[in-house]
PDB file of all heavy atoms in Angstrom:
ATOM      1  N   ALA A   1     133.064 -61.428 -83.475  1.00  0.00           N
ATOM      2  CA  ALA A   1     132.093 -62.477 -83.163  1.00  0.00           C
ATOM      3  C   ALA A   1     132.280 -63.672 -84.080  1.00  0.00           C
ATOM      4  O   ALA A   1     132.183 -64.829 -83.643  1.00  0.00           O
ATOM      5  CB  ALA A   1     130.668 -61.930 -83.278  1.00  0.00           C
ATOM      6  N   LEU A   2     132.567 -63.411 -85.352  1.00  0.00           N
ATOM      7  CA  LEU A   2     132.803 -64.510 -86.286  1.00  0.00           C
ATOM      8  C   LEU A   2     134.058 -65.295 -85.900  1.00  0.00           C
ATOM      9  O   LEU A   2     134.061 -66.532 -85.947  1.00  0.00           O
ATOM     10  CB  LEU A   2     132.948 -63.960 -87.709  1.00  0.00           C
ATOM     11  CG  LEU A   2     133.174 -64.996 -88.815  1.00  0.00           C
ATOM     12  CD1 LEU A   2     131.993 -65.955 -88.900  1.00  0.00           C
ATOM     13  CD2 LEU A   2     133.396 -64.293 -90.159  1.00  0.00           C
ATOM     14  N   ASN A   3     135.124 -64.579 -85.503  1.00  0.00           N
ATOM     15  CA  ASN A   3     136.335 -65.257 -85.049  1.00  0.00           C
ATOM     16  C   ASN A   3     136.066 -66.112 -83.813  1.00  0.00           C
ATOM     17  O   ASN A   3     136.507 -67.269 -83.730  1.00  0.00           O
ATOM     18  CB  ASN A   3     137.430 -64.237 -84.740  1.00  0.00           C
ATOM     19  CG  ASN A   3     137.929 -63.519 -85.974  1.00  0.00           C
ATOM     20  OD1 ASN A   3     137.784 -64.013 -87.092  1.00  0.00           O
ATOM     21  ND2 ASN A   3     138.506 -62.344 -85.793  1.00  0.00           N
ATOM     22  N   SER A   4     135.340 -65.555 -82.854  1.00  0.00           N
ATOM     23  CA  SER A   4     135.032 -66.304 -81.630  1.00  0.00           C
ATOM     24  C   SER A   4     134.177 -67.518 -81.934  1.00  0.00           C
ATOM     25  O   SER A   4     134.405 -68.608 -81.393  1.00  0.00           O
ATOM     26  CB  SER A   4     134.315 -65.396 -80.625  1.00  0.00           C
ATOM     27  OG  SER A   4     135.165 -64.391 -80.133  1.00  0.00           O
ATOM     28  N   LEU A   5     133.178 -67.347 -82.796  1.00  0.00           N
ATOM     29  CA  LEU A   5     132.300 -68.462 -83.139  1.00  0.00           C
ATOM     30  C   LEU A   5     133.067 -69.558 -83.864  1.00  0.00           C
ATOM     31  O   LEU A   5     132.872 -70.755 -83.590  1.00  0.00           O
ATOM     32  CB  LEU A   5     131.144 -67.961 -84.002  1.00  0.00           C
ATOM     33  CG  LEU A   5     130.110 -69.002 -84.427  1.00  0.00           C
ATOM     34  CD1 LEU A   5     129.420 -69.590 -83.202  1.00  0.00           C
ATOM     35  CD2 LEU A   5     129.079 -68.391 -85.372  1.00  0.00           C
ATOM     36  N   LEU A   6     133.956 -69.170 -84.768  1.00  0.00           N
ATOM     37  CA  LEU A   6     134.739 -70.152 -85.510  1.00  0.00           C
ATOM     38  C   LEU A   6     135.650 -70.934 -84.578  1.00  0.00           C
ATOM     39  O   LEU A   6     135.699 -72.175 -84.615  1.00  0.00           O
ATOM     40  CB  LEU A   6     135.553 -69.447 -86.596  1.00  0.00           C
ATOM     41  CG  LEU A   6     136.427 -70.344 -87.487  1.00  0.00           C
ATOM     42  CD1 LEU A   6     135.543 -71.286 -88.299  1.00  0.00           C
ATOM     43  CD2 LEU A   6     137.297 -69.490 -88.407  1.00  0.00           C
ATOM     44  N   VAL A   7     136.371 -70.225 -83.716  1.00  0.00           N
ATOM     45  CA  VAL A   7     137.295 -70.889 -82.796  1.00  0.00           C
ATOM     46  C   VAL A   7     136.536 -71.762 -81.798  1.00  0.00           C
ATOM     47  O   VAL A   7     136.929 -72.904 -81.529  1.00  0.00           O
ATOM     48  CB  VAL A   7     138.149 -69.831 -82.060  1.00  0.00           C
ATOM     49  CG1 VAL A   7     138.972 -70.487 -80.951  1.00  0.00           C
ATOM     50  CG2 VAL A   7     139.071 -69.118 -83.039  1.00  0.00           C
ATOM     51  N   ALA A   8     135.431 -71.250 -81.245  1.00  0.00           N
ATOM     52  CA  ALA A   8     134.672 -72.015 -80.256  1.00  0.00           C
ATOM     53  C   ALA A   8     134.050 -73.261 -80.870  1.00  0.00           C
ATOM     54  O   ALA A   8     134.045 -74.335 -80.246  1.00  0.00           O
ATOM     55  CB  ALA A   8     133.583 -71.136 -79.639  1.00  0.00           C
ATOM     56  N   THR A   9     133.546 -73.150 -82.097  1.00  0.00           N
ATOM     57  CA  THR A   9     132.922 -74.310 -82.750  1.00  0.00           C
ATOM     58  C   THR A   9     133.948 -75.391 -83.058  1.00  0.00           C
ATOM     59  O   THR A   9     133.731 -76.578 -82.770  1.00  0.00           O
ATOM     60  CB  THR A   9     132.218 -73.872 -84.043  1.00  0.00           C
ATOM     61  OG1 THR A   9     131.232 -72.877 -83.734  1.00  0.00           O
ATOM     62  CG2 THR A   9     131.545 -75.052 -84.715  1.00  0.00           C
ATOM     63  N   ILE A  10     135.084 -74.996 -83.643  1.00  0.00           N
ATOM     64  CA  ILE A  10     136.122 -75.981 -83.962  1.00  0.00           C
ATOM     65  C   ILE A  10     136.697 -76.588 -82.691  1.00  0.00           C
ATOM     66  O   ILE A  10     136.925 -77.808 -82.617  1.00  0.00           O
ATOM     67  CB  ILE A  10     137.232 -75.335 -84.811  1.00  0.00           C
ATOM     68  CG1 ILE A  10     136.668 -74.869 -86.152  1.00  0.00           C
ATOM     69  CG2 ILE A  10     138.375 -76.309 -85.032  1.00  0.00           C
ATOM     70  CD1 ILE A  10     137.679 -74.151 -87.024  1.00  0.00           C
ATOM     71  N   SER A  11     136.931 -75.771 -81.674  1.00  0.00           N
ATOM     72  CA  SER A  11     137.474 -76.279 -80.411  1.00  0.00           C
ATOM     73  C   SER A  11     136.531 -77.272 -79.763  1.00  0.00           C
ATOM     74  O   SER A  11     136.953 -78.339 -79.305  1.00  0.00           O
ATOM     75  CB  SER A  11     137.751 -75.111 -79.456  1.00  0.00           C
ATOM     76  OG  SER A  11     138.707 -74.225 -79.987  1.00  0.00           O
ATOM     77  N   THR A  12     135.245 -76.944 -79.738  1.00  0.00           N
ATOM     78  CA  THR A  12     134.266 -77.820 -79.097  1.00  0.00           C
ATOM     79  C   THR A  12     134.120 -79.138 -79.858  1.00  0.00           C
ATOM     80  O   THR A  12     134.175 -80.218 -79.264  1.00  0.00           O
ATOM     81  CB  THR A  12     132.905 -77.113 -79.007  1.00  0.00           C
ATOM     82  OG1 THR A  12     133.050 -75.888 -78.279  1.00  0.00           O
ATOM     83  CG2 THR A  12     131.889 -77.992 -78.302  1.00  0.00           C
ATOM     84  N   ALA A  13     133.932 -79.051 -81.171  1.00  0.00           N
ATOM     85  CA  ALA A  13     133.763 -80.269 -81.970  1.00  0.00           C
ATOM     86  C   ALA A  13     135.020 -81.138 -81.949  1.00  0.00           C
ATOM     87  O   ALA A  13     134.943 -82.359 -81.788  1.00  0.00           O
ATOM     88  CB  ALA A  13     133.391 -79.905 -83.408  1.00  0.00           C
ATOM     89  N   GLY A  14     136.176 -80.509 -82.094  1.00  0.00           N
ATOM     90  CA  GLY A  14     137.424 -81.272 -82.090  1.00  0.00           C
ATOM     91  C   GLY A  14     137.716 -81.912 -80.755  1.00  0.00           C
ATOM     92  O   GLY A  14     138.126 -83.081 -80.681  1.00  0.00           O
ATOM     93  N   ALA A  15     137.513 -81.157 -79.672  1.00  0.00           N
ATOM     94  CA  ALA A  15     137.762 -81.712 -78.345  1.00  0.00           C
ATOM     95  C   ALA A  15     136.794 -82.844 -78.026  1.00  0.00           C
ATOM     96  O   ALA A  15     137.172 -83.835 -77.381  1.00  0.00           O
ATOM     97  CB  ALA A  15     137.659 -80.605 -77.293  1.00  0.00           C
ATOM     98  N   LEU A  16     135.535 -82.725 -78.460  1.00  0.00           N
ATOM     99  CA  LEU A  16     134.569 -83.804 -78.237  1.00  0.00           C
ATOM    100  C   LEU A  16     134.995 -85.078 -78.973  1.00  0.00           C
ATOM    101  O   LEU A  16     134.940 -86.180 -78.407  1.00  0.00           O
ATOM    102  CB  LEU A  16     133.183 -83.380 -78.703  1.00  0.00           C
ATOM    103  CG  LEU A  16     132.391 -82.446 -77.777  1.00  0.00           C
ATOM    104  CD1 LEU A  16     131.068 -82.072 -78.423  1.00  0.00           C
ATOM    105  CD2 LEU A  16     132.149 -83.103 -76.421  1.00  0.00           C
ATOM    106  N   LEU A  17     135.428 -84.943 -80.221  1.00  0.00           N
ATOM    107  CA  LEU A  17     135.835 -86.118 -80.990  1.00  0.00           C
ATOM    108  C   LEU A  17     137.047 -86.794 -80.364  1.00  0.00           C
ATOM    109  O   LEU A  17     137.057 -88.022 -80.156  1.00  0.00           O
ATOM    110  CB  LEU A  17     136.143 -85.705 -82.430  1.00  0.00           C
ATOM    111  CG  LEU A  17     136.639 -86.821 -83.357  1.00  0.00           C
ATOM    112  CD1 LEU A  17     135.598 -87.928 -83.473  1.00  0.00           C
ATOM    113  CD2 LEU A  17     136.991 -86.262 -84.727  1.00  0.00           C
ATOM    114  N   VAL A  18     138.066 -86.013 -80.035  1.00  0.00           N
ATOM    115  CA  VAL A  18     139.272 -86.588 -79.429  1.00  0.00           C
ATOM    116  C   VAL A  18     138.958 -87.192 -78.071  1.00  0.00           C
ATOM    117  O   VAL A  18     139.433 -88.282 -77.729  1.00  0.00           O
ATOM    118  CB  VAL A  18     140.368 -85.512 -79.312  1.00  0.00           C
ATOM    119  CG1 VAL A  18     141.574 -86.045 -78.535  1.00  0.00           C
ATOM    120  CG2 VAL A  18     140.809 -85.041 -80.693  1.00  0.00           C
ATOM    121  N   SER A  19     138.127 -86.523 -77.286  1.00  0.00           N
ATOM    122  CA  SER A  19     137.811 -87.004 -75.943  1.00  0.00           C
ATOM    123  C   SER A  19     136.989 -88.284 -75.989  1.00  0.00           C
ATOM    124  O   SER A  19     137.186 -89.184 -75.166  1.00  0.00           O
ATOM    125  CB  SER A  19     137.048 -85.927 -75.172  1.00  0.00           C
ATOM    126  OG  SER A  19     137.819 -84.749 -75.052  1.00  0.00           O
ATOM    127  N   VAL A  20     136.063 -88.385 -76.951  1.00  0.00           N
ATOM    128  CA  VAL A  20     135.264 -89.596 -77.092  1.00  0.00           C
ATOM    129  C   VAL A  20     136.163 -90.789 -77.416  1.00  0.00           C
ATOM    130  O   VAL A  20     136.027 -91.871 -76.830  1.00  0.00           O
ATOM    131  CB  VAL A  20     134.186 -89.395 -78.179  1.00  0.00           C
ATOM    132  CG1 VAL A  20     133.649 -90.732 -78.652  1.00  0.00           C
ATOM    133  CG2 VAL A  20     133.043 -88.550 -77.639  1.00  0.00           C
ATOM    134  N   LEU A  21     137.091 -90.611 -78.335  1.00  0.00           N
ATOM    135  CA  LEU A  21     137.992 -91.703 -78.716  1.00  0.00           C
ATOM    136  C   LEU A  21     138.899 -92.097 -77.553  1.00  0.00           C
ATOM    137  O   LEU A  21     139.086 -93.286 -77.267  1.00  0.00           O
ATOM    138  CB  LEU A  21     138.825 -91.287 -79.925  1.00  0.00           C
ATOM    139  CG  LEU A  21     138.048 -91.041 -81.228  1.00  0.00           C
ATOM    140  CD1 LEU A  21     138.967 -90.462 -82.295  1.00  0.00           C
ATOM    141  CD2 LEU A  21     137.425 -92.339 -81.730  1.00  0.00           C
ATOM    142  N   ALA A  22     139.466 -91.088 -76.879  1.00  0.00           N
ATOM    143  CA  ALA A  22     140.366 -91.384 -75.761  1.00  0.00           C
ATOM    144  C   ALA A  22     139.612 -92.003 -74.591  1.00  0.00           C
ATOM    145  O   ALA A  22     140.104 -92.942 -73.946  1.00  0.00           O
ATOM    146  CB  ALA A  22     141.076 -90.104 -75.316  1.00  0.00           C
ATOM    147  N   ALA A  23     138.409 -91.506 -74.308  1.00  0.00           N
ATOM    148  CA  ALA A  23     137.630 -92.053 -73.203  1.00  0.00           C
ATOM    149  C   ALA A  23     137.241 -93.498 -73.469  1.00  0.00           C
ATOM    150  O   ALA A  23     137.232 -94.334 -72.552  1.00  0.00           O
ATOM    151  CB  ALA A  23     136.378 -91.200 -72.983  1.00  0.00           C
ATOM    152  N   TYR A  24     136.930 -93.816 -74.710  1.00  0.00           N
ATOM    153  CA  TYR A  24     136.604 -95.206 -75.048  1.00  0.00           C
ATOM    154  C   TYR A  24     137.810 -96.112 -74.838  1.00  0.00           C
ATOM    155  O   TYR A  24     137.679 -97.233 -74.328  1.00  0.00           O
ATOM    156  CB  TYR A  24     136.136 -95.296 -76.496  1.00  0.00           C
ATOM    157  CG  TYR A  24     135.810 -96.708 -76.938  1.00  0.00           C
ATOM    158  CD1 TYR A  24     134.572 -97.275 -76.654  1.00  0.00           C
ATOM    159  CD2 TYR A  24     136.746 -97.480 -77.633  1.00  0.00           C
ATOM    160  CE1 TYR A  24     134.266 -98.572 -77.048  1.00  0.00           C
ATOM    161  CE2 TYR A  24     136.454 -98.770 -78.025  1.00  0.00           C
ATOM    162  CZ  TYR A  24     135.226 -99.312 -77.734  1.00  0.00           C
ATOM    163  OH  TYR A  24     134.931-100.606 -78.119  1.00  0.00           O
ATOM    164  N   ALA A  25     138.986 -95.632 -75.214  1.00  0.00           N
ATOM    165  CA  ALA A  25     140.192 -96.433 -75.031  1.00  0.00           C
ATOM    166  C   ALA A  25     140.453 -96.709 -73.557  1.00  0.00           C
ATOM    167  O   ALA A  25     140.768 -97.843 -73.171  1.00  0.00           O
ATOM    168  CB  ALA A  25     141.387 -95.721 -75.663  1.00  0.00           C
ATOM    169  N   PHE A  26     140.316 -95.699 -72.720  1.00  0.00           N
ATOM    170  CA  PHE A  26     140.582 -95.887 -71.291  1.00  0.00           C
ATOM    171  C   PHE A  26     139.469 -96.656 -70.598  1.00  0.00           C
ATOM    172  O   PHE A  26     139.701 -97.302 -69.566  1.00  0.00           O
ATOM    173  CB  PHE A  26     140.765 -94.532 -70.607  1.00  0.00           C
ATOM    174  CG  PHE A  26     142.082 -93.877 -70.894  1.00  0.00           C
ATOM    175  CD1 PHE A  26     142.141 -92.667 -71.558  1.00  0.00           C
ATOM    176  CD2 PHE A  26     143.270 -94.478 -70.513  1.00  0.00           C
ATOM    177  CE1 PHE A  26     143.358 -92.060 -71.825  1.00  0.00           C
ATOM    178  CE2 PHE A  26     144.498 -93.878 -70.782  1.00  0.00           C
ATOM    179  CZ  PHE A  26     144.536 -92.666 -71.446  1.00  0.00           C
ATOM    180  N   SER A  27     138.266 -96.606 -71.125  1.00  0.00           N
ATOM    181  CA  SER A  27     137.134 -97.268 -70.479  1.00  0.00           C
ATOM    182  C   SER A  27     136.942 -98.703 -70.934  1.00  0.00           C
ATOM    183  O   SER A  27     136.581 -99.570 -70.131  1.00  0.00           O
ATOM    184  CB  SER A  27     135.852 -96.477 -70.740  1.00  0.00           C
ATOM    185  OG  SER A  27     134.722 -97.128 -70.224  1.00  0.00           O
ATOM    186  N   ARG A  28     137.187 -98.985 -72.221  1.00  0.00           N
ATOM    187  CA  ARG A  28     136.827-100.283 -72.770  1.00  0.00           C
ATOM    188  C   ARG A  28     138.001-101.141 -73.230  1.00  0.00           C
ATOM    189  O   ARG A  28     137.863-102.346 -73.335  1.00  0.00           O
ATOM    190  CB  ARG A  28     135.875-100.083 -73.972  1.00  0.00           C
ATOM    191  CG  ARG A  28     134.490 -99.557 -73.593  1.00  0.00           C
ATOM    192  CD  ARG A  28     133.800-100.503 -72.620  1.00  0.00           C
ATOM    193  NE  ARG A  28     132.367-100.368 -72.597  1.00  0.00           N
ATOM    194  CZ  ARG A  28     131.691 -99.680 -71.683  1.00  0.00           C
ATOM    195  NH1 ARG A  28     132.348 -99.037 -70.737  1.00  0.00           N
ATOM    196  NH2 ARG A  28     130.367 -99.647 -71.703  1.00  0.00           N
ATOM    197  N   LEU A  29     139.138-100.542 -73.508  1.00  0.00           N
ATOM    198  CA  LEU A  29     140.267-101.305 -74.029  1.00  0.00           C
ATOM    199  C   LEU A  29     141.259-101.610 -72.917  1.00  0.00           C
ATOM    200  O   LEU A  29     141.537-100.755 -72.062  1.00  0.00           O
ATOM    201  CB  LEU A  29     140.971-100.536 -75.151  1.00  0.00           C
ATOM    202  CG  LEU A  29     140.104-100.145 -76.343  1.00  0.00           C
ATOM    203  CD1 LEU A  29     140.948 -99.450 -77.398  1.00  0.00           C
ATOM    204  CD2 LEU A  29     139.400-101.358 -76.934  1.00  0.00           C
ATOM    205  N   SER A  30     141.786-102.794 -72.933  1.00  0.00           N
ATOM    206  CA  SER A  30     142.796-103.212 -71.956  1.00  0.00           C
ATOM    207  C   SER A  30     144.139-103.305 -72.670  1.00  0.00           C
ATOM    208  O   SER A  30     144.314-104.136 -73.565  1.00  0.00           O
ATOM    209  CB  SER A  30     142.428-104.567 -71.335  1.00  0.00           C
ATOM    210  OG  SER A  30     141.202-104.484 -70.635  1.00  0.00           O
ATOM    211  N   PHE A  31     145.066-102.442 -72.299  1.00  0.00           N
ATOM    212  CA  PHE A  31     146.402-102.483 -72.893  1.00  0.00           C
ATOM    213  C   PHE A  31     147.423-102.159 -71.811  1.00  0.00           C
ATOM    214  O   PHE A  31     147.106-101.550 -70.785  1.00  0.00           O
ATOM    215  CB  PHE A  31     146.520-101.499 -74.064  1.00  0.00           C
ATOM    216  CG  PHE A  31     146.149-100.073 -73.725  1.00  0.00           C
ATOM    217  CD1 PHE A  31     147.111 -99.170 -73.311  1.00  0.00           C
ATOM    218  CD2 PHE A  31     144.831 -99.648 -73.823  1.00  0.00           C
ATOM    219  CE1 PHE A  31     146.774 -97.866 -73.019  1.00  0.00           C
ATOM    220  CE2 PHE A  31     144.480 -98.343 -73.525  1.00  0.00           C
ATOM    221  CZ  PHE A  31     145.458 -97.447 -73.123  1.00  0.00           C
ATOM    222  N   ARG A  32     148.648-102.581 -72.032  1.00  0.00           N
ATOM    223  CA  ARG A  32     149.696-102.436 -71.034  1.00  0.00           C
ATOM    224  C   ARG A  32     149.976-100.946 -70.783  1.00  0.00           C
ATOM    225  O   ARG A  32     150.182-100.170 -71.710  1.00  0.00           O
ATOM    226  CB  ARG A  32     150.971-103.126 -71.506  1.00  0.00           C
ATOM    227  CG  ARG A  32     152.141-103.039 -70.519  1.00  0.00           C
ATOM    228  CD  ARG A  32     153.332-103.822 -71.007  1.00  0.00           C
ATOM    229  NE  ARG A  32     153.002-105.239 -71.161  1.00  0.00           N
ATOM    230  CZ  ARG A  32     153.880-106.150 -71.604  1.00  0.00           C
ATOM    231  NH1 ARG A  32     155.105-105.785 -71.951  1.00  0.00           N
ATOM    232  NH2 ARG A  32     153.505-107.414 -71.716  1.00  0.00           N
ATOM    233  N   GLY A  33     149.996-100.596 -69.506  1.00  0.00           N
ATOM    234  CA  GLY A  33     150.303 -99.223 -69.122  1.00  0.00           C
ATOM    235  C   GLY A  33     149.132 -98.265 -69.191  1.00  0.00           C
ATOM    236  O   GLY A  33     149.326 -97.060 -69.032  1.00  0.00           O
ATOM    237  N   SER A  34     147.929 -98.787 -69.417  1.00  0.00           N
ATOM    238  CA  SER A  34     146.778 -97.887 -69.550  1.00  0.00           C
ATOM    239  C   SER A  34     146.504 -97.133 -68.253  1.00  0.00           C
ATOM    240  O   SER A  34     146.198 -95.935 -68.275  1.00  0.00           O
ATOM    241  CB  SER A  34     145.544 -98.682 -69.968  1.00  0.00           C
ATOM    242  OG  SER A  34     145.213 -99.661 -68.996  1.00  0.00           O
ATOM    243  N   ARG A  35     146.622 -97.829 -67.126  1.00  0.00           N
ATOM    244  CA  ARG A  35     146.352 -97.178 -65.842  1.00  0.00           C
ATOM    245  C   ARG A  35     147.381 -96.093 -65.546  1.00  0.00           C
ATOM    246  O   ARG A  35     147.038 -94.989 -65.118  1.00  0.00           O
ATOM    247  CB  ARG A  35     146.335 -98.222 -64.723  1.00  0.00           C
ATOM    248  CG  ARG A  35     145.816 -97.687 -63.391  1.00  0.00           C
ATOM    249  CD  ARG A  35     145.707 -98.796 -62.354  1.00  0.00           C
ATOM    250  NE  ARG A  35     145.055 -98.329 -61.143  1.00  0.00           N
ATOM    251  CZ  ARG A  35     143.751 -98.286 -60.955  1.00  0.00           C
ATOM    252  NH1 ARG A  35     142.940 -98.686 -61.925  1.00  0.00           N
ATOM    253  NH2 ARG A  35     143.238 -97.843 -59.833  1.00  0.00           N
ATOM    254  N   ALA A  36     148.661 -96.426 -65.786  1.00  0.00           N
ATOM    255  CA  ALA A  36     149.711 -95.432 -65.544  1.00  0.00           C
ATOM    256  C   ALA A  36     149.555 -94.240 -66.486  1.00  0.00           C
ATOM    257  O   ALA A  36     149.756 -93.085 -66.088  1.00  0.00           O
ATOM    258  CB  ALA A  36     151.081 -96.075 -65.725  1.00  0.00           C
ATOM    259  N   LEU A  37     149.184 -94.507 -67.730  1.00  0.00           N
ATOM    260  CA  LEU A  37     148.984 -93.420 -68.688  1.00  0.00           C
ATOM    261  C   LEU A  37     147.818 -92.541 -68.284  1.00  0.00           C
ATOM    262  O   LEU A  37     147.877 -91.302 -68.412  1.00  0.00           O
ATOM    263  CB  LEU A  37     148.753 -94.010 -70.082  1.00  0.00           C
ATOM    264  CG  LEU A  37     148.548 -93.005 -71.223  1.00  0.00           C
ATOM    265  CD1 LEU A  37     149.768 -92.114 -71.369  1.00  0.00           C
ATOM    266  CD2 LEU A  37     148.267 -93.745 -72.534  1.00  0.00           C
ATOM    267  N   PHE A  38     146.752 -93.152 -67.764  1.00  0.00           N
ATOM    268  CA  PHE A  38     145.587 -92.373 -67.345  1.00  0.00           C
ATOM    269  C   PHE A  38     145.928 -91.510 -66.135  1.00  0.00           C
ATOM    270  O   PHE A  38     145.511 -90.341 -66.059  1.00  0.00           O
ATOM    271  CB  PHE A  38     144.433 -93.311 -67.022  1.00  0.00           C
ATOM    272  CG  PHE A  38     143.154 -92.607 -66.696  1.00  0.00           C
ATOM    273  CD1 PHE A  38     142.465 -91.901 -67.662  1.00  0.00           C
ATOM    274  CD2 PHE A  38     142.620 -92.655 -65.417  1.00  0.00           C
ATOM    275  CE1 PHE A  38     141.276 -91.253 -67.377  1.00  0.00           C
ATOM    276  CE2 PHE A  38     141.431 -92.004 -65.121  1.00  0.00           C
ATOM    277  CZ  PHE A  38     140.765 -91.305 -66.102  1.00  0.00           C
ATOM    278  N   VAL A  39     146.707 -92.050 -65.198  1.00  0.00           N
ATOM    279  CA  VAL A  39     147.132 -91.265 -64.036  1.00  0.00           C
ATOM    280  C   VAL A  39     148.015 -90.102 -64.472  1.00  0.00           C
ATOM    281  O   VAL A  39     147.884 -88.969 -63.976  1.00  0.00           O
ATOM    282  CB  VAL A  39     147.866 -92.163 -63.018  1.00  0.00           C
ATOM    283  CG1 VAL A  39     148.478 -91.315 -61.902  1.00  0.00           C
ATOM    284  CG2 VAL A  39     146.909 -93.195 -62.430  1.00  0.00           C
ATOM    285  N   ALA A  40     148.920 -90.353 -65.408  1.00  0.00           N
ATOM    286  CA  ALA A  40     149.771 -89.281 -65.921  1.00  0.00           C
ATOM    287  C   ALA A  40     148.943 -88.204 -66.617  1.00  0.00           C
ATOM    288  O   ALA A  40     149.225 -87.006 -66.502  1.00  0.00           O
ATOM    289  CB  ALA A  40     150.811 -89.853 -66.876  1.00  0.00           C
ATOM    290  N   LEU A  41     147.906 -88.662 -67.325  1.00  0.00           N
ATOM    291  CA  LEU A  41     147.027 -87.704 -67.994  1.00  0.00           C
ATOM    292  C   LEU A  41     146.283 -86.841 -66.983  1.00  0.00           C
ATOM    293  O   LEU A  41     146.162 -85.624 -67.152  1.00  0.00           O
ATOM    294  CB  LEU A  41     146.041 -88.453 -68.886  1.00  0.00           C
ATOM    295  CG  LEU A  41     145.213 -87.619 -69.867  1.00  0.00           C
ATOM    296  CD1 LEU A  41     146.107 -87.026 -70.942  1.00  0.00           C
ATOM    297  CD2 LEU A  41     144.125 -88.460 -70.503  1.00  0.00           C
ATOM    298  N   LEU A  42     145.798 -87.472 -65.915  1.00  0.00           N
ATOM    299  CA  LEU A  42     145.088 -86.707 -64.888  1.00  0.00           C
ATOM    300  C   LEU A  42     146.010 -85.727 -64.169  1.00  0.00           C
ATOM    301  O   LEU A  42     145.557 -84.662 -63.717  1.00  0.00           O
ATOM    302  CB  LEU A  42     144.454 -87.656 -63.872  1.00  0.00           C
ATOM    303  CG  LEU A  42     143.239 -88.466 -64.338  1.00  0.00           C
ATOM    304  CD1 LEU A  42     142.728 -89.332 -63.205  1.00  0.00           C
ATOM    305  CD2 LEU A  42     142.140 -87.556 -64.853  1.00  0.00           C
ATOM    306  N   SER A  43     147.272 -86.076 -64.044  1.00  0.00           N
ATOM    307  CA  SER A  43     148.210 -85.169 -63.374  1.00  0.00           C
ATOM    308  C   SER A  43     148.353 -83.855 -64.123  1.00  0.00           C
ATOM    309  O   SER A  43     148.729 -82.833 -63.536  1.00  0.00           O
ATOM    310  CB  SER A  43     149.573 -85.840 -63.225  1.00  0.00           C
ATOM    311  OG  SER A  43     150.160 -86.080 -64.492  1.00  0.00           O
ATOM    312  N   ALA A  44     148.039 -83.864 -65.429  1.00  0.00           N
ATOM    313  CA  ALA A  44     148.113 -82.620 -66.190  1.00  0.00           C
ATOM    314  C   ALA A  44     147.079 -81.609 -65.727  1.00  0.00           C
ATOM    315  O   ALA A  44     147.239 -80.402 -65.967  1.00  0.00           O
ATOM    316  CB  ALA A  44     147.925 -82.907 -67.680  1.00  0.00           C
ATOM    317  N   LEU A  45     146.016 -82.076 -65.065  1.00  0.00           N
ATOM    318  CA  LEU A  45     145.013 -81.147 -64.545  1.00  0.00           C
ATOM    319  C   LEU A  45     145.577 -80.256 -63.452  1.00  0.00           C
ATOM    320  O   LEU A  45     145.040 -79.169 -63.192  1.00  0.00           O
ATOM    321  CB  LEU A  45     143.807 -81.933 -64.005  1.00  0.00           C
ATOM    322  CG  LEU A  45     142.891 -82.593 -65.035  1.00  0.00           C
ATOM    323  CD1 LEU A  45     141.844 -83.452 -64.334  1.00  0.00           C
ATOM    324  CD2 LEU A  45     142.232 -81.558 -65.920  1.00  0.00           C
TER     325      LEU A  45
END
């Protein structure tokens, strides 16, 4: 249970931080190739 809690907590907090930063870049910043990069990212799904 301690292993699961440790992994789940770090995974959740880390993924939220990375996702917030990346989502802000794709939503608010305009840079060359952003649309193509976002489509490539979605293709990973």
